[in-house]
Amino acid sequence: MTAARNQHTPVTPARMTRFDDIYGQPDPRPYFGALGPLGYQTPHHAQSVFRGLLPLAGFDGSPGRPDGVPDAGAPATVLDICCSYGINAALLNHHVTFEELRERYTSPEVARLTTAELIASDRAYYAARRRPDAVPVIGLDISAPAVAYGREAGLVDEGFAENLEAAEPSPALHRATRGTRLITVTGGASFLSARTFRALLEGRREQPWVAAFVLRTGSYRDIADGLARLGMTTEKDTSRTYPQRRFTDEDEQRYAVGAVAAAGDDPRGKETDGHFHTALYLTRPRAQAAARPLHVLLRDG
């Protein structure tokens, strides 16, 4: 028989609440239905950051520029890792906001549609809002249904359901990402290691930029160290953090506050006020980072 738990001993949960089920559905309605009430907002913050990085990372309207861009001659692309249903691509390439998407996918009108009807509706919805400066986006995620939706709705130009933590990338994925100039991550850094990036980037003549929003409850060191071995420098934006979502309960908040403090950061006024927070990390080839450090990049914006 086990001993009774001391009622005065704090109970610290082992991890944050998991939402695995919402990523394996045929369309994004469960995603917005589950995360919307918690005020999930990382893609909203990423929208302006990623758009601002595009011209700096080499998206200047001249694909195949032979000036050190990865695999000169290949079309310039964005690779969104852990893309789920293509939400980042929707925000990057269309005149929409994250709040507008939440309202759309939780509306009674959309709730009545089948997945096939929603895909047809989405294709028209996004086509009417396409930005003139839209860029090709490749989606990568372990969820085949989510990737299929993003592709069929016209949000990602190509989509791959592959787990690079467990296997090497397919030849098709390697070919599709030859011209990648910007890699984006908003919701998956906690589940990734350097292996995913090494599999995609090892052996390239010039590396793309990597922009990641990372929860303060975890560490980005493994990925940063792996990218350093490829000749890249990772910088953290220390000027601000970005609210991610509200906690599901007090236990999850207790976990987050403890994890952030253990990582050497201060949770006061952030996690203590009820939200997970993320930090922005930007990785670039060393020479580019040295020539224009991140704080200068953000200041000049």
Protein backbone atom coordinates (compact mmCIF):
# COMPACT_ATOMS: atom_id res chain seq x y z
CA MET A 1 0.00 0.00 0.00
CA THR A 2 1.36 3.42 -0.93
CA ALA A 3 1.74 6.21 1.56
CA ALA A 4 -0.78 9.03 1.47
CA ARG A 5 0.42 12.27 -0.17
CA ASN A 6 1.14 15.05 2.31
CA GLN A 7 -1.70 17.52 1.73
CA HIS A 8 0.65 20.45 2.34
CA THR A 9 3.10 19.36 -0.39
CA PRO A 10 2.64 21.35 -3.64
CA VAL A 11 1.56 19.22 -6.58
CA THR A 12 3.61 20.11 -9.66
CA PRO A 13 2.25 18.65 -12.91
CA ALA A 14 4.82 16.98 -15.13
CA ARG A 15 3.86 18.82 -18.31
CA MET A 16 1.49 21.22 -20.01
CA THR A 17 -1.93 20.11 -21.20
CA ARG A 18 -1.75 18.19 -24.47
CA PHE A 19 -4.00 18.95 -27.43
CA ASP A 20 -2.82 16.13 -29.68
CA ASP A 21 -6.33 15.18 -30.86
CA ILE A 22 -7.06 18.50 -32.54
CA TYR A 23 -4.20 18.06 -35.02
CA GLY A 24 -5.41 14.74 -36.40
CA GLN A 25 -8.81 15.92 -37.61
CA PRO A 26 -9.77 16.37 -41.26
CA ASP A 27 -10.13 20.16 -40.96
CA PRO A 28 -9.21 22.98 -38.55
CA ARG A 29 -12.57 23.46 -36.82
CA PRO A 30 -11.59 21.41 -33.71
CA TYR A 31 -8.26 23.31 -33.59
CA PHE A 32 -9.99 26.68 -33.32
CA GLY A 33 -12.76 25.28 -31.15
CA ALA A 34 -10.29 24.02 -28.54
CA LEU A 35 -7.66 26.78 -28.61
CA GLY A 36 -9.93 29.75 -29.27
CA PRO A 37 -11.48 29.85 -25.78
CA LEU A 38 -7.96 29.82 -24.32
CA GLY A 39 -6.97 32.90 -26.29
CA TYR A 40 -4.29 31.11 -28.33
CA GLN A 41 -2.45 33.80 -30.32
CA THR A 42 1.06 32.80 -31.39
CA PRO A 43 0.22 32.81 -35.13
CA HIS A 44 -1.11 36.35 -34.69
CA HIS A 45 2.24 37.53 -33.32
CA ALA A 46 4.14 35.58 -35.96
CA GLN A 47 2.21 37.10 -38.85
CA SER A 48 3.91 40.50 -38.76
CA VAL A 49 7.29 39.09 -37.71
CA PHE A 50 7.45 36.60 -40.57
CA ARG A 51 6.26 39.13 -43.13
CA GLY A 52 8.95 41.52 -41.95
CA LEU A 53 11.63 38.86 -42.33
CA LEU A 54 10.73 37.90 -45.91
CA PRO A 55 12.64 40.66 -47.75
CA LEU A 56 15.56 40.36 -45.33
CA ALA A 57 15.81 36.61 -45.95
CA GLY A 58 15.98 37.08 -49.71
CA PHE A 59 12.38 37.27 -50.94
CA ASP A 60 12.79 40.21 -53.28
CA GLY A 61 10.79 38.97 -56.26
CA SER A 62 13.78 37.53 -58.12
CA PRO A 63 13.73 33.75 -57.61
CA GLY A 64 16.96 31.98 -58.33
CA ARG A 65 19.17 34.91 -57.34
CA PRO A 66 22.76 33.57 -57.56
CA ASP A 67 24.18 35.40 -54.55
CA GLY A 68 24.62 32.76 -51.92
CA VAL A 69 20.93 31.90 -51.60
CA PRO A 70 20.39 28.17 -50.97
CA ASP A 71 20.54 26.24 -54.25
CA ALA A 72 20.47 29.22 -56.57
CA GLY A 73 18.00 28.64 -59.38
CA ALA A 74 15.36 26.97 -57.18
CA PRO A 75 12.21 28.99 -56.43
CA ALA A 76 12.42 30.84 -53.12
CA THR A 77 10.15 29.19 -50.55
CA VAL A 78 9.11 29.35 -46.92
CA LEU A 79 9.15 26.04 -45.04
CA ASP A 80 6.68 25.97 -42.16
CA ILE A 81 7.62 23.17 -39.74
CA CYS A 82 4.77 21.77 -37.65
CA CYS A 83 2.43 23.53 -40.07
CA SER A 84 -0.74 21.71 -38.95
CA TYR A 85 -3.59 22.99 -41.17
CA GLY A 86 -1.58 25.73 -42.88
CA ILE A 87 -2.59 28.55 -40.51
CA ASN A 88 0.76 30.35 -40.76
CA ALA A 89 0.58 30.19 -44.55
CA ALA A 90 -2.95 31.59 -44.44
CA LEU A 91 -1.78 34.55 -42.39
CA LEU A 92 1.43 35.09 -44.34
CA ASN A 93 -0.15 35.16 -47.78
CA HIS A 94 -3.66 36.56 -47.27
CA HIS A 95 -5.39 39.67 -46.04
CA VAL A 96 -6.80 37.97 -42.95
CA THR A 97 -6.16 38.05 -39.21
CA PHE A 98 -5.97 35.16 -36.78
CA GLU A 99 -9.08 36.44 -35.02
CA GLU A 100 -10.98 36.47 -38.31
CA LEU A 101 -9.98 32.85 -38.90
CA ARG A 102 -11.09 31.88 -35.40
CA GLU A 103 -14.46 33.53 -35.98
CA ARG A 104 -14.82 31.83 -39.35
CA TYR A 105 -14.03 28.30 -38.21
CA THR A 106 -16.19 28.50 -35.08
CA SER A 107 -19.20 30.11 -36.80
CA PRO A 108 -22.56 28.29 -37.06
CA GLU A 109 -22.45 28.63 -40.85
CA VAL A 110 -19.13 26.80 -41.15
CA ALA A 111 -20.17 24.23 -38.53
CA ARG A 112 -22.87 22.96 -40.89
CA LEU A 113 -20.45 22.19 -43.73
CA THR A 114 -18.88 18.84 -44.50
CA THR A 115 -15.10 18.81 -44.75
CA ALA A 116 -15.33 18.68 -48.54
CA GLU A 117 -17.69 21.66 -48.54
CA LEU A 118 -15.39 23.55 -46.17
CA ILE A 119 -12.39 22.95 -48.42
CA ALA A 120 -14.32 24.29 -51.42
CA SER A 121 -15.46 27.29 -49.39
CA ASP A 122 -11.93 27.90 -48.13
CA ARG A 123 -10.42 27.86 -51.59
CA ALA A 124 -12.77 30.67 -52.61
CA TYR A 125 -12.33 32.51 -49.29
CA TYR A 126 -8.54 32.60 -49.51
CA ALA A 127 -8.42 33.25 -53.25
CA ALA A 128 -10.44 36.42 -52.70
CA ARG A 129 -7.96 37.56 -50.03
CA ARG A 130 -4.66 36.56 -51.64
CA ARG A 131 -1.90 39.11 -51.19
CA PRO A 132 -0.12 40.29 -54.35
CA ASP A 133 3.22 39.60 -52.64
CA ALA A 134 2.34 36.03 -51.62
CA VAL A 135 5.24 33.58 -51.47
CA PRO A 136 5.35 29.79 -51.97
CA VAL A 137 4.96 27.91 -48.69
CA ILE A 138 5.85 24.29 -48.04
CA GLY A 139 4.16 22.63 -45.08
CA LEU A 140 5.76 19.90 -42.95
CA ASP A 141 3.94 18.11 -40.14
CA ILE A 142 3.56 14.59 -38.79
CA SER A 143 -0.24 14.81 -39.15
CA ALA A 144 -1.30 13.56 -42.56
CA PRO A 145 -4.91 14.87 -42.25
CA ALA A 146 -3.74 18.36 -41.29
CA VAL A 147 -1.20 18.52 -44.11
CA ALA A 148 -3.78 17.23 -46.60
CA TYR A 149 -6.22 19.93 -45.57
CA GLY A 150 -3.63 22.70 -45.96
CA ARG A 151 -2.76 21.43 -49.41
CA GLU A 152 -6.35 20.91 -50.60
CA ALA A 153 -7.48 24.28 -49.29
CA GLY A 154 -4.69 25.91 -51.30
CA LEU A 155 -2.79 27.25 -48.29
CA VAL A 156 0.47 25.35 -48.79
CA ASP A 157 1.93 24.83 -52.23
CA GLU A 158 3.33 21.47 -51.20
CA GLY A 159 2.75 19.49 -48.02
CA PHE A 160 4.63 16.60 -46.44
CA ALA A 161 3.48 14.37 -43.58
CA GLU A 162 6.88 13.23 -42.35
CA ASN A 163 8.52 12.87 -38.94
CA LEU A 164 12.16 13.85 -39.32
CA GLU A 165 12.82 13.04 -35.67
CA ALA A 166 12.31 9.39 -36.59
CA ALA A 167 13.32 9.09 -40.25
CA GLU A 168 15.26 10.81 -43.00
CA PRO A 169 13.35 13.19 -45.27
CA SER A 170 11.94 11.76 -48.45
CA PRO A 171 13.61 12.65 -51.77
CA ALA A 172 10.48 14.65 -52.64
CA LEU A 173 10.80 16.76 -49.49
CA HIS A 174 14.49 17.34 -50.18
CA ARG A 175 13.70 18.52 -53.70
CA ALA A 176 10.84 20.76 -52.58
CA THR A 177 12.97 22.56 -50.00
CA ARG A 178 16.06 23.22 -52.16
CA GLY A 179 15.16 26.89 -52.42
CA THR A 180 14.00 27.44 -48.85
CA ARG A 181 15.12 30.83 -47.57
CA LEU A 182 13.03 31.06 -44.42
CA ILE A 183 12.00 28.27 -42.03
CA THR A 184 9.20 29.15 -39.60
CA VAL A 185 8.08 27.44 -36.40
CA THR A 186 5.29 28.66 -34.13
CA GLY A 187 3.96 25.65 -32.25
CA GLY A 188 6.34 22.75 -32.47
CA ALA A 189 9.74 23.69 -31.09
CA SER A 190 9.03 21.78 -27.88
CA PHE A 191 8.69 18.56 -29.89
CA LEU A 192 11.71 19.06 -32.15
CA SER A 193 15.44 18.50 -31.84
CA ALA A 194 18.43 19.38 -33.98
CA ARG A 195 17.84 16.17 -35.92
CA THR A 196 14.91 17.62 -37.89
CA PHE A 197 16.94 20.62 -39.02
CA ARG A 198 20.12 18.67 -39.68
CA ALA A 199 18.24 16.27 -41.96
CA LEU A 200 16.97 19.19 -44.04
CA LEU A 201 19.98 21.49 -44.06
CA GLU A 202 23.15 19.42 -43.86
CA GLY A 203 25.36 19.81 -46.92
CA ARG A 204 23.79 22.99 -48.24
CA ARG A 205 26.08 25.66 -49.64
CA GLU A 206 24.22 28.47 -47.91
CA GLN A 207 21.64 28.09 -45.16
CA PRO A 208 18.19 29.66 -44.87
CA TRP A 209 17.04 31.70 -41.90
CA VAL A 210 15.13 29.96 -39.11
CA ALA A 211 12.55 31.96 -37.12
CA ALA A 212 10.97 30.18 -34.17
CA PHE A 213 8.58 31.17 -31.41
CA VAL A 214 9.60 29.01 -28.45
CA LEU A 215 7.75 28.48 -25.18
CA ARG A 216 9.71 29.81 -22.20
CA THR A 217 8.98 26.56 -20.35
CA GLY A 218 11.44 24.70 -22.58
CA SER A 219 14.90 25.08 -24.05
CA TYR A 220 15.99 25.88 -27.59
CA ARG A 221 19.61 24.98 -26.88
CA ASP A 222 19.67 21.60 -28.64
CA ILE A 223 18.34 23.08 -31.87
CA ALA A 224 20.59 26.15 -31.64
CA ASP A 225 23.64 23.98 -31.01
CA GLY A 226 22.76 21.77 -33.96
CA LEU A 227 22.37 24.76 -36.25
CA ALA A 228 25.68 26.17 -34.97
CA ARG A 229 27.39 23.06 -36.29
CA LEU A 230 26.06 24.07 -39.71
CA GLY A 231 27.72 27.48 -39.46
CA MET A 232 24.73 29.38 -38.12
CA THR A 233 24.22 31.79 -35.24
CA THR A 234 21.08 31.86 -33.10
CA GLU A 235 19.96 35.06 -31.40
CA LYS A 236 17.12 35.50 -28.91
CA ASP A 237 14.96 38.59 -28.84
CA THR A 238 15.36 39.71 -25.23
CA SER A 239 13.33 42.90 -25.67
CA ARG A 240 9.94 41.24 -25.28
CA THR A 241 7.96 38.03 -24.99
CA TYR A 242 4.74 37.00 -26.72
CA PRO A 243 1.65 35.64 -24.91
CA GLN A 244 0.73 32.19 -26.23
CA ARG A 245 -2.50 31.14 -24.48
CA ARG A 246 -4.19 31.09 -21.11
CA PHE A 247 -3.57 28.18 -18.78
CA THR A 248 -6.13 25.40 -18.65
CA ASP A 249 -6.02 25.29 -14.85
CA GLU A 250 -3.96 26.20 -11.80
CA ASP A 251 -1.87 23.04 -12.04
CA GLU A 252 -0.73 23.95 -15.54
CA GLN A 253 0.14 27.45 -14.38
CA ARG A 254 2.12 26.03 -11.47
CA TYR A 255 4.04 23.85 -13.92
CA ALA A 256 4.77 26.80 -16.22
CA VAL A 257 5.95 29.13 -13.48
CA GLY A 258 8.28 26.45 -12.12
CA ALA A 259 9.62 25.49 -15.55
CA VAL A 260 10.33 29.10 -16.54
CA ALA A 261 12.12 29.78 -13.26
CA ALA A 262 14.15 26.56 -13.65
CA ALA A 263 15.19 27.75 -17.12
CA GLY A 264 16.61 30.91 -15.57
CA ASP A 265 13.88 33.32 -16.72
CA ASP A 266 11.55 35.44 -14.60
CA PRO A 267 7.88 34.39 -14.72
CA ARG A 268 6.64 37.47 -12.85
CA GLY A 269 4.18 39.55 -14.83
CA LYS A 270 3.98 36.88 -17.51
CA GLU A 271 3.31 33.27 -16.54
CA THR A 272 2.29 34.44 -13.06
CA ASP A 273 -0.39 36.58 -14.73
CA GLY A 274 -2.05 33.60 -16.41
CA HIS A 275 -0.50 33.01 -19.84
CA PHE A 276 2.20 30.89 -21.39
CA HIS A 277 4.71 33.15 -23.11
CA THR A 278 7.05 32.52 -26.03
CA ALA A 279 10.33 34.09 -27.07
CA LEU A 280 11.47 34.74 -30.63
CA TYR A 281 14.69 33.08 -31.80
CA LEU A 282 16.28 33.88 -35.15
CA THR A 283 19.05 31.76 -36.67
CA ARG A 284 21.14 32.92 -39.65
CA PRO A 285 24.49 32.24 -41.27
CA ARG A 286 27.19 33.66 -39.00
CA ALA A 287 28.33 36.40 -41.37
CA GLN A 288 24.81 37.76 -41.77
CA ALA A 289 24.17 37.74 -38.02
CA ALA A 290 27.47 39.53 -37.39
CA ALA A 291 26.76 42.18 -40.00
CA ARG A 292 23.32 43.03 -38.63
CA PRO A 293 22.56 41.69 -35.14
CA LEU A 294 18.99 40.84 -34.21
CA HIS A 295 18.43 43.90 -32.03
CA VAL A 296 19.41 46.11 -34.98
CA LEU A 297 17.22 44.07 -37.32
CA LEU A 298 14.21 44.52 -35.06
CA ARG A 299 14.93 48.19 -34.41
CA ASP A 300 15.19 49.03 -38.11
CA GLY A 301 12.25 46.70 -38.83
